[in-house]
Amino acid sequence: NNYANYQVIEQMNFDKIFVVNHSASSRLNAQKKGFEYIEFIKKILFEALSFKHHNILVIGAGGFTLTAEKSHNNHVTYIDIDPEIKQIAESTFLKEPIKGQFKGVDARAFFKQHQEKWDVIVSDAYSNQTSIPPMLLTKEYFLALKQHLTPGGYMIANMIVDPLFRDKYSQTVDNTIRAVFPFCRSIPLTYNDKMANVIYICPNQQISTQSIYTDDLTTSTTDFFNLQNSQ
């Protein structure tokens, strides 16, 4: 259509690949598992954080694989600029209705028009296998995400960058995200000489101290002791 070319490739081992603009966007196997990075995000949300009955927003629908297996009783809304992607994915890839709601709208426009806050926002929008639309990779975009998170909520982003940040693009992506979310944990799924999926897990948390520990002035032991006593 006017937004993208779509194709579903079925493989011998029952895997299906949802291809968008000639790049593999989503994968689904017989157990309804997706690509490694999606399964990693699912483990963070549904196992490590044990999220249930939370409001989750996903920017970049792809093949809707975050909830293809199940939603874990969460209220999940997908956003994608192509209003036809839901019908395409349901009829040719999932072969069933998506688990969640869908809004076919530009993400930046959506945030300007809605004041709703979310417990988690997952940013996973790609125009092809490695390229993120420029308007979804700016400080202003991440500020919009932060403004639409509940206190203590999480922004999770799938970034395809150098896992060791050895180039300007990878460093600038990292700088941009941390300018808004200073306490992000970035987890590469692989370490090699190529671009790789790096998952950012960013709590919606304000900076409460500018302190650092130095040789001549350190309170690390006291701070750690106080932390242990408060738990």
Protein backbone atom coordinates (compact mmCIF):
# COMPACT_ATOMS: atom_id res chain seq x y z
CA ASN A 1 0.00 0.00 0.00
CA ASN A 2 1.07 3.64 0.27
CA TYR A 3 3.00 2.99 3.47
CA ALA A 4 4.88 -0.26 2.87
CA ASN A 5 5.24 -3.50 0.96
CA TYR A 6 4.21 -6.54 3.02
CA GLN A 7 4.98 -10.21 2.58
CA VAL A 8 4.65 -13.33 4.73
CA ILE A 9 7.28 -16.04 4.27
CA GLU A 10 6.44 -19.49 5.66
CA GLN A 11 9.41 -21.70 6.42
CA MET A 12 9.77 -25.47 6.71
CA ASN A 13 10.05 -25.43 10.54
CA PHE A 14 6.65 -23.70 10.85
CA ASP A 15 8.26 -20.30 11.38
CA LYS A 16 6.58 -17.39 9.67
CA ILE A 17 8.35 -14.14 8.87
CA PHE A 18 6.41 -10.90 8.46
CA VAL A 19 8.38 -8.90 5.91
CA VAL A 20 7.96 -5.11 5.72
CA ASN A 21 9.74 -3.17 2.99
CA HIS A 22 11.84 -6.23 2.13
CA SER A 23 13.12 -6.59 5.73
CA ALA A 24 12.17 -9.15 8.36
CA SER A 25 9.96 -7.24 10.79
CA SER A 26 8.47 -10.04 12.92
CA ARG A 27 8.81 -13.76 13.43
CA LEU A 28 6.28 -16.26 14.74
CA ASN A 29 6.87 -19.96 15.38
CA ALA A 30 4.46 -22.78 16.18
CA GLN A 31 4.51 -21.78 19.87
CA LYS A 32 3.76 -18.16 18.92
CA LYS A 33 7.21 -17.01 19.98
CA GLY A 34 8.80 -14.05 18.22
CA PHE A 35 12.30 -12.78 17.51
CA GLU A 36 14.83 -12.98 20.36
CA TYR A 37 14.51 -9.30 21.25
CA ILE A 38 10.71 -9.56 21.56
CA GLU A 39 11.03 -12.61 23.80
CA PHE A 40 13.56 -10.70 25.91
CA ILE A 41 11.15 -7.77 26.32
CA LYS A 42 8.37 -10.21 27.22
CA LYS A 43 10.56 -11.73 29.93
CA ILE A 44 11.26 -8.29 31.37
CA LEU A 45 7.61 -7.27 31.43
CA PHE A 46 5.79 -10.47 32.23
CA GLU A 47 8.35 -12.42 34.27
CA ALA A 48 10.89 -10.08 35.89
CA LEU A 49 8.40 -7.27 36.57
CA SER A 50 5.37 -9.62 36.74
CA PHE A 51 3.16 -7.10 34.98
CA LYS A 52 -0.56 -7.88 35.01
CA HIS A 53 -3.50 -5.51 34.60
CA HIS A 54 -1.19 -2.73 33.41
CA ASN A 55 -1.61 -0.32 30.51
CA ILE A 56 1.06 -0.92 27.87
CA LEU A 57 1.57 1.13 24.71
CA VAL A 58 3.59 -0.31 21.80
CA ILE A 59 4.86 2.08 19.14
CA GLY A 60 5.46 0.16 15.93
CA ALA A 61 3.03 -2.70 15.46
CA GLY A 62 5.03 -4.99 13.18
CA GLY A 63 3.37 -8.39 13.41
CA PHE A 64 1.83 -7.69 16.87
CA THR A 65 4.05 -10.40 18.34
CA LEU A 66 4.45 -8.90 21.82
CA THR A 67 1.03 -10.35 22.65
CA ALA A 68 0.72 -13.06 20.00
CA GLU A 69 1.15 -15.72 22.66
CA LYS A 70 -0.92 -13.97 25.36
CA SER A 71 -1.36 -10.56 26.95
CA HIS A 72 -0.89 -11.73 30.57
CA ASN A 73 -4.09 -9.83 31.41
CA ASN A 74 -2.57 -6.49 30.44
CA HIS A 75 -4.31 -3.81 28.41
CA VAL A 76 -2.08 -3.42 25.34
CA THR A 77 -2.48 -0.79 22.64
CA TYR A 78 -0.43 -0.83 19.44
CA ILE A 79 0.26 2.29 17.37
CA ASP A 80 1.40 2.23 13.77
CA ILE A 81 1.35 4.86 11.07
CA ASP A 82 -0.24 2.39 8.60
CA PRO A 83 -3.95 1.96 9.46
CA GLU A 84 -4.09 -1.20 7.30
CA ILE A 85 -1.34 -3.15 9.07
CA LYS A 86 -3.73 -4.71 11.60
CA GLN A 87 -5.94 -6.29 8.92
CA ILE A 88 -2.87 -7.40 6.96
CA ALA A 89 -1.22 -9.04 9.98
CA GLU A 90 -4.43 -10.70 11.18
CA SER A 91 -5.30 -12.21 7.81
CA THR A 92 -1.87 -13.27 6.54
CA PHE A 93 0.48 -13.58 9.52
CA LEU A 94 -1.30 -14.19 12.82
CA LYS A 95 -4.34 -15.88 11.25
CA GLU A 96 -6.37 -14.58 14.21
CA PRO A 97 -7.34 -11.25 15.80
CA ILE A 98 -4.62 -9.35 17.61
CA LYS A 99 -4.56 -9.47 21.40
CA GLY A 100 -4.99 -5.82 22.22
CA GLN A 101 -6.20 -2.63 20.63
CA PHE A 102 -4.83 -0.82 17.60
CA LYS A 103 -4.66 2.78 16.48
CA GLY A 104 -3.47 3.59 12.96
CA VAL A 105 -1.93 6.99 13.59
CA ASP A 106 1.40 8.79 13.56
CA ALA A 107 3.00 8.39 17.00
CA ARG A 108 4.03 12.03 17.41
CA ALA A 109 0.52 13.18 16.46
CA PHE A 110 -0.99 10.64 18.88
CA PHE A 111 0.95 12.04 21.82
CA LYS A 112 -0.07 15.59 20.97
CA GLN A 113 -3.74 14.62 20.85
CA HIS A 114 -3.92 12.38 23.93
CA GLN A 115 -3.14 12.97 27.59
CA GLU A 116 -3.48 9.35 28.74
CA LYS A 117 -0.56 7.94 30.72
CA TRP A 118 0.82 4.42 30.40
CA ASP A 119 2.63 2.10 32.79
CA VAL A 120 4.94 0.97 29.98
CA ILE A 121 5.72 2.39 26.56
CA VAL A 122 7.61 0.11 24.18
CA SER A 123 9.29 1.93 21.30
CA ASP A 124 9.96 -0.47 18.42
CA ALA A 125 9.26 1.44 15.21
CA TYR A 126 11.41 0.74 12.15
CA SER A 127 10.90 1.73 8.54
CA ASN A 128 13.08 -1.22 7.54
CA GLN A 129 15.31 -3.73 9.32
CA THR A 130 17.74 -1.22 10.82
CA SER A 131 16.40 2.30 10.17
CA ILE A 132 14.22 4.20 12.65
CA PRO A 133 12.13 7.11 11.31
CA PRO A 134 14.11 10.25 12.29
CA MET A 135 11.17 11.83 14.13
CA LEU A 136 11.14 8.84 16.48
CA LEU A 137 14.77 9.25 17.47
CA THR A 138 14.93 12.75 18.93
CA LYS A 139 15.04 14.23 22.41
CA GLU A 140 11.59 15.71 21.83
CA TYR A 141 10.16 12.29 21.00
CA PHE A 142 11.55 10.72 24.15
CA LEU A 143 10.28 13.66 26.18
CA ALA A 144 6.81 12.93 24.79
CA LEU A 145 7.17 9.32 25.91
CA LYS A 146 8.24 10.44 29.39
CA GLN A 147 5.31 12.83 29.68
CA HIS A 148 2.91 9.97 28.90
CA LEU A 149 4.35 7.56 31.47
CA THR A 150 2.88 7.05 34.91
CA PRO A 151 5.20 7.82 37.86
CA GLY A 152 7.50 4.84 38.18
CA GLY A 153 6.56 3.60 34.72
CA TYR A 154 9.02 2.26 32.16
CA MET A 155 10.12 3.19 28.67
CA ILE A 156 11.55 0.18 26.82
CA ALA A 157 13.21 0.73 23.46
CA ASN A 158 14.64 -1.67 20.90
CA MET A 159 17.63 0.02 19.30
CA ILE A 160 19.81 -1.49 16.58
CA VAL A 161 23.21 0.02 17.26
CA ASP A 162 26.82 -1.00 17.85
CA PRO A 163 26.65 -2.82 21.22
CA LEU A 164 30.02 -1.28 22.17
CA PHE A 165 29.12 2.23 20.90
CA ARG A 166 32.11 2.61 18.60
CA ASP A 167 30.47 4.96 16.07
CA LYS A 168 28.87 8.39 16.11
CA TYR A 169 25.35 7.11 15.40
CA SER A 170 25.36 4.60 18.27
CA GLN A 171 26.84 7.13 20.69
CA THR A 172 24.34 9.81 19.69
CA VAL A 173 21.39 7.43 20.11
CA ASP A 174 22.63 6.61 23.60
CA ASN A 175 23.21 10.29 24.45
CA THR A 176 19.73 11.21 23.22
CA ILE A 177 17.91 8.59 25.28
CA ARG A 178 19.90 9.32 28.44
CA ALA A 179 19.28 13.06 28.09
CA VAL A 180 15.65 12.25 28.95
CA PHE A 181 15.97 8.98 30.85
CA PRO A 182 19.26 9.22 32.82
CA PHE A 183 18.97 5.86 34.60
CA CYS A 184 18.57 3.54 31.62
CA ARG A 185 19.97 0.05 31.56
CA SER A 186 21.09 -0.86 28.03
CA ILE A 187 21.39 -4.60 27.38
CA PRO A 188 22.92 -5.87 24.10
CA LEU A 189 21.57 -9.22 22.99
CA THR A 190 24.84 -9.99 21.20
CA TYR A 191 28.38 -8.61 21.13
CA ASN A 192 30.09 -8.59 17.76
CA ASP A 193 31.43 -6.27 15.09
CA LYS A 194 27.99 -5.68 13.64
CA MET A 195 24.93 -3.69 14.61
CA ALA A 196 22.85 -5.57 17.18
CA ASN A 197 19.64 -5.27 19.16
CA VAL A 198 20.28 -3.26 22.31
CA ILE A 199 17.30 -3.11 24.68
CA TYR A 200 16.96 0.04 26.76
CA ILE A 201 15.02 -0.30 30.03
CA CYS A 202 14.37 3.18 31.38
CA PRO A 203 12.42 3.96 34.55
CA ASN A 204 10.46 7.19 34.70
CA GLN A 205 12.58 8.51 37.53
CA GLN A 206 13.89 11.98 38.29
CA ILE A 207 17.48 12.71 39.28
CA SER A 208 17.45 13.16 43.06
CA THR A 209 21.18 13.61 43.58
CA GLN A 210 24.23 14.78 41.67
CA SER A 211 26.57 13.07 44.15
CA ILE A 212 29.51 10.92 43.10
CA TYR A 213 31.96 8.84 45.13
CA THR A 214 35.61 9.96 45.21
CA ASP A 215 38.72 8.79 47.08
CA ASP A 216 38.70 11.75 49.49
CA LEU A 217 34.95 11.83 50.07
CA THR A 218 32.95 8.63 49.88
CA THR A 219 29.83 7.63 51.77
CA SER A 220 29.22 4.50 49.75
CA THR A 221 29.28 2.16 52.76
CA THR A 222 26.85 4.32 54.71
CA ASP A 223 24.57 4.78 51.70
CA PHE A 224 24.52 1.04 51.05
CA PHE A 225 23.84 0.30 54.73
CA ASN A 226 20.93 2.76 54.76
CA LEU A 227 19.57 1.20 51.59
CA GLN A 228 19.68 -2.28 53.10
CA ASN A 229 17.90 -1.10 56.23
CA SER A 230 15.16 0.59 54.23
CA GLN A 231 14.23 -2.57 52.33
